[in-house]
C-alpha atoms as a PDB file:
ATOM      1  CA  MET A   1     -20.668 -74.332 -31.540  1.00  0.00           C
ATOM      2  CA  MET A   2     -20.588 -70.626 -30.838  1.00  0.00           C
ATOM      3  CA  SER A   3     -23.831 -68.771 -31.316  1.00  0.00           C
ATOM      4  CA  PHE A   4     -24.013 -65.212 -32.572  1.00  0.00           C
ATOM      5  CA  LYS A   5     -26.569 -62.726 -33.768  1.00  0.00           C
ATOM      6  CA  VAL A   6     -26.171 -62.267 -37.502  1.00  0.00           C
ATOM      7  CA  ARG A   7     -27.206 -58.616 -37.422  1.00  0.00           C
ATOM      8  CA  GLU A   8     -24.405 -57.863 -34.971  1.00  0.00           C
ATOM      9  CA  LEU A   9     -21.789 -58.718 -37.589  1.00  0.00           C
ATOM     10  CA  PRO A  10     -19.878 -55.806 -39.134  1.00  0.00           C
ATOM     11  CA  ASP A  11     -21.534 -54.582 -42.353  1.00  0.00           C
ATOM     12  CA  ASP A  12     -19.080 -56.282 -44.692  1.00  0.00           C
ATOM     13  CA  GLU A  13     -19.370 -59.664 -42.954  1.00  0.00           C
ATOM     14  CA  TYR A  14     -23.160 -59.339 -42.745  1.00  0.00           C
ATOM     15  CA  TYR A  15     -23.415 -58.606 -46.485  1.00  0.00           C
ATOM     16  CA  ARG A  16     -21.252 -61.614 -47.374  1.00  0.00           C
ATOM     17  CA  TYR A  17     -23.185 -63.852 -44.964  1.00  0.00           C
ATOM     18  CA  LYS A  18     -26.576 -62.815 -46.370  1.00  0.00           C
ATOM     19  CA  TYR A  19     -25.245 -63.141 -49.936  1.00  0.00           C
ATOM     20  CA  GLN A  20     -24.125 -66.709 -49.210  1.00  0.00           C
ATOM     21  CA  GLN A  21     -27.525 -67.488 -47.718  1.00  0.00           C
ATOM     22  CA  LEU A  22     -29.229 -66.311 -50.911  1.00  0.00           C
ATOM     23  CA  GLU A  23     -26.877 -68.495 -52.965  1.00  0.00           C
ATOM     24  CA  LYS A  24     -27.922 -71.501 -50.879  1.00  0.00           C
ATOM     25  CA  VAL A  25     -31.629 -70.743 -51.100  1.00  0.00           C
ATOM     26  CA  PHE A  26     -31.744 -70.071 -54.847  1.00  0.00           C
ATOM     27  CA  LYS A  27     -29.053 -72.596 -55.896  1.00  0.00           C
ATOM     28  CA  GLY A  28     -29.285 -72.989 -59.682  1.00  0.00           C
ATOM     29  CA  ASP A  29     -31.610 -69.995 -59.990  1.00  0.00           C
ATOM     30  CA  PHE A  30     -29.175 -67.708 -58.180  1.00  0.00           C
ATOM     31  CA  ASN A  31     -28.549 -64.318 -59.775  1.00  0.00           C
ATOM     32  CA  ALA A  32     -25.833 -62.126 -58.268  1.00  0.00           C
ATOM     33  CA  SER A  33     -27.474 -58.869 -59.383  1.00  0.00           C
ATOM     34  CA  HIS A  34     -30.772 -59.907 -57.800  1.00  0.00           C
ATOM     35  CA  ALA A  35     -28.904 -60.730 -54.593  1.00  0.00           C
ATOM     36  CA  ASP A  36     -27.319 -57.261 -54.588  1.00  0.00           C
ATOM     37  CA  PHE A  37     -30.755 -55.717 -55.150  1.00  0.00           C
ATOM     38  CA  ARG A  38     -32.361 -57.686 -52.302  1.00  0.00           C
ATOM     39  CA  LEU A  39     -29.559 -56.811 -49.915  1.00  0.00           C
ATOM     40  CA  VAL A  40     -29.685 -53.128 -50.850  1.00  0.00           C
ATOM     41  CA  LYS A  41     -33.436 -53.147 -50.173  1.00  0.00           C
ATOM     42  CA  GLU A  42     -32.779 -54.700 -46.778  1.00  0.00           C
ATOM     43  CA  MET A  43     -30.198 -52.029 -45.929  1.00  0.00           C
ATOM     44  CA  LEU A  44     -32.566 -49.282 -47.048  1.00  0.00           C
ATOM     45  CA  LYS A  45     -35.360 -50.702 -44.898  1.00  0.00           C
ATOM     46  CA  ASP A  46     -33.020 -50.824 -41.905  1.00  0.00           C
ATOM     47  CA  GLY A  47     -32.504 -47.100 -42.482  1.00  0.00           C
ATOM     48  CA  ASP A  48     -29.179 -46.857 -40.684  1.00  0.00           C
ATOM     49  CA  LYS A  49     -26.836 -46.359 -43.655  1.00  0.00           C
ATOM     50  CA  THR A  50     -26.260 -43.550 -46.091  1.00  0.00           C
ATOM     51  CA  ARG A  51     -26.281 -44.064 -49.838  1.00  0.00           C
ATOM     52  CA  ASP A  52     -22.482 -43.812 -49.881  1.00  0.00           C
ATOM     53  CA  GLU A  53     -22.152 -46.420 -47.134  1.00  0.00           C
ATOM     54  CA  ILE A  54     -24.422 -48.806 -49.050  1.00  0.00           C
ATOM     55  CA  ALA A  55     -22.459 -48.204 -52.257  1.00  0.00           C
ATOM     56  CA  ASN A  56     -19.177 -48.954 -50.511  1.00  0.00           C
ATOM     57  CA  ILE A  57     -20.551 -52.120 -48.927  1.00  0.00           C
ATOM     58  CA  ILE A  58     -21.627 -53.407 -52.347  1.00  0.00           C
ATOM     59  CA  LYS A  59     -18.391 -52.393 -54.047  1.00  0.00           C
ATOM     60  CA  GLU A  60     -16.246 -54.061 -51.397  1.00  0.00           C
ATOM     61  CA  ASN A  61     -18.314 -57.192 -50.765  1.00  0.00           C
ATOM     62  CA  SER A  62     -20.402 -58.234 -53.747  1.00  0.00           C
ATOM     63  CA  PRO A  63     -18.515 -61.262 -55.081  1.00  0.00           C
ATOM     64  CA  ASP A  64     -16.855 -60.803 -58.461  1.00  0.00           C
ATOM     65  CA  ILE A  65     -18.478 -57.403 -58.979  1.00  0.00           C
ATOM     66  CA  LEU A  66     -15.464 -56.105 -60.898  1.00  0.00           C
ATOM     67  CA  ASP A  67     -15.683 -59.034 -63.316  1.00  0.00           C
ATOM     68  CA  ARG A  68     -19.479 -59.046 -63.511  1.00  0.00           C
ATOM     69  CA  LYS A  69     -19.788 -55.292 -64.080  1.00  0.00           C
ATOM     70  CA  HIS A  70     -16.457 -54.586 -65.723  1.00  0.00           C
ATOM     71  CA  GLY A  71     -16.125 -50.949 -66.651  1.00  0.00           C
ATOM     72  CA  HIS A  72     -19.379 -49.772 -65.120  1.00  0.00           C
ATOM     73  CA  VAL A  73     -19.321 -50.795 -61.448  1.00  0.00           C
ATOM     74  CA  ASP A  74     -20.292 -47.354 -60.118  1.00  0.00           C
ATOM     75  CA  GLN A  75     -23.107 -47.032 -62.665  1.00  0.00           C
ATOM     76  CA  TYR A  76     -24.377 -50.505 -61.696  1.00  0.00           C
ATOM     77  CA  ILE A  77     -24.252 -49.684 -57.982  1.00  0.00           C
ATOM     78  CA  ASN A  78     -26.058 -46.356 -58.444  1.00  0.00           C
ATOM     79  CA  LYS A  79     -28.745 -47.945 -60.606  1.00  0.00           C
ATOM     80  CA  THR A  80     -29.206 -50.770 -58.107  1.00  0.00           C
ATOM     81  CA  ILE A  81     -29.575 -48.326 -55.219  1.00  0.00           C
ATOM     82  CA  ASP A  82     -31.965 -46.121 -57.241  1.00  0.00           C
ATOM     83  CA  ASN A  83     -34.150 -49.080 -58.219  1.00  0.00           C
ATOM     84  CA  ALA A  84     -34.166 -50.502 -54.700  1.00  0.00           C
ATOM     85  CA  THR A  85     -35.018 -47.075 -53.259  1.00  0.00           C
ATOM     86  CA  ALA A  86     -37.961 -46.753 -55.643  1.00  0.00           C
ATOM     87  CA  GLU A  87     -39.244 -50.222 -54.767  1.00  0.00           C
ATOM     88  CA  VAL A  88     -38.919 -49.674 -51.009  1.00  0.00           C
ATOM     89  CA  SER A  89     -40.774 -46.374 -51.379  1.00  0.00           C
ATOM     90  CA  ARG A  90     -43.524 -48.050 -53.412  1.00  0.00           C
ATOM     91  CA  GLU A  91     -43.830 -50.878 -50.864  1.00  0.00           C
ATOM     92  CA  ARG A  92     -44.086 -48.381 -48.007  1.00  0.00           C
ATOM     93  CA  SER A  93     -46.753 -46.383 -49.850  1.00  0.00           C
ATOM     94  CA  GLU A  94     -48.780 -49.520 -50.538  1.00  0.00           C
ATOM     95  CA  ALA A  95     -48.498 -50.616 -46.902  1.00  0.00           C
ATOM     96  CA  ALA A  96     -49.618 -47.175 -45.694  1.00  0.00           C
ATOM     97  CA  ALA A  97     -52.585 -47.230 -48.073  1.00  0.00           C
ATOM     98  CA  LYS A  98     -53.616 -50.678 -46.801  1.00  0.00           C
ATOM     99  CA  ARG A  99     -53.353 -49.528 -43.183  1.00  0.00           C
ATOM    100  CA  LYS A 100     -55.477 -46.487 -43.975  1.00  0.00           C
ATOM    101  CA  GLU A 101     -58.025 -48.630 -45.794  1.00  0.00           C
ATOM    102  CA  ARG A 102     -58.259 -51.021 -42.835  1.00  0.00           C
ATOM    103  CA  SER A 103     -58.684 -48.132 -40.398  1.00  0.00           C
ATOM    104  CA  ASN A 104     -61.534 -46.769 -42.545  1.00  0.00           C
ATOM    105  CA  ASP A 105     -63.283 -50.149 -42.536  1.00  0.00           C
ATOM    106  CA  GLY A 106     -64.103 -49.929 -38.833  1.00  0.00           C
ATOM    107  CA  PRO A 107     -67.585 -49.433 -37.437  1.00  0.00           C
ATOM    108  CA  THR A 108     -69.117 -46.016 -37.709  1.00  0.00           C
ATOM    109  CA  LEU A 109     -71.303 -44.427 -35.091  1.00  0.00           C
END
């Protein structure tokens, strides 16, 4: 069996691979829109793609997106990216606040 590093896959293959992994993990509780959201968050955290690149990756690789979001694919993608961006920003702010709090808890002289 050939071994490979998942993150070295081209973006479209990586998205489909990660999407399939989420389907396996969540089985009957799987939700395609939640999978898109999680994968967008991951791409945003990686920080190496523009908004347009992320939008194109979703549009080209999210299974059945044209059927699932018939007539409003671009609106869905933009809303997903906006919501994921807000959540990543919130998570980063919370993490920074916790780091600051921990640094203030040290001994004083």
